């Protein structure tokens, strides 16, 4: 099974969106993270099911929230380039290069299949997370 890895900027924007939703309504941030997790699971099951939006970048829409998960398929991993609000400038992420981990240092990115669980410090502070395929929040 391939790993799912997040570009550091994609990881940050996902956590920022989760924190925003959590501030709007308790547990809404958790539901957002579950929606992104569901998208990651669908990507792992069949990455080529999703449309190409730019060269080798594909987009999977979340089911509940107005977000798209933009990713690149690699032989050994799925690299998530952006967790993008659909009303944002659609080209903002294009300047992102492959993170160091894609070039050899995998320690800088979260998730590996096996632990797709968001670690939340508390309901307001999203301190960090680790992901793995198939586990629900």
Foldseek 3Di string as FASTA:
>chain_A
DAFEWEDVVQQVVLQVVLLVLLVVDFCRSLVSLQQVLVQVQVCVVPVVVFDDDDDQWGWDAGDPAQWIFIWGDDPRHIYTQHGGRNVDDPCPSVVDDDDVVVVPVVPVTAETAPAQDQDAPDSNGRPTGHGHHDDGD
